[in-house]
Amino acid sequence: MPKQQAQSQLCNRLKEIRARHNFTQAELAAKVSVTRKTINTVENNVFIPSTVLALKLARALDVRVEELFYLNGS
């Protein structure tokens, strides 16, 4: 019987890094041209952002994408 591989899950440090910059969800959303709800759903791992949005978020927060997003369980 084949061994099952653990599923990797995309996780993020968006809330933590956003807080370090003293941005509200609404302020960050405005910087990357999305809604506050989008920021909220990304922070809570409900929505996986597109590559473009991930890059915009990293740029707005002055971090590398790899610092903001990471794979868990790989």
Foldseek 3Di string as FASTA:
>chain_A
DDDDAWDKAKAFCLVVLCVVVVHQLQRLCVQQVHHSVVSVCNNVSNDDDDPSSLVSSCVVSVHDSCNTMDIPRD
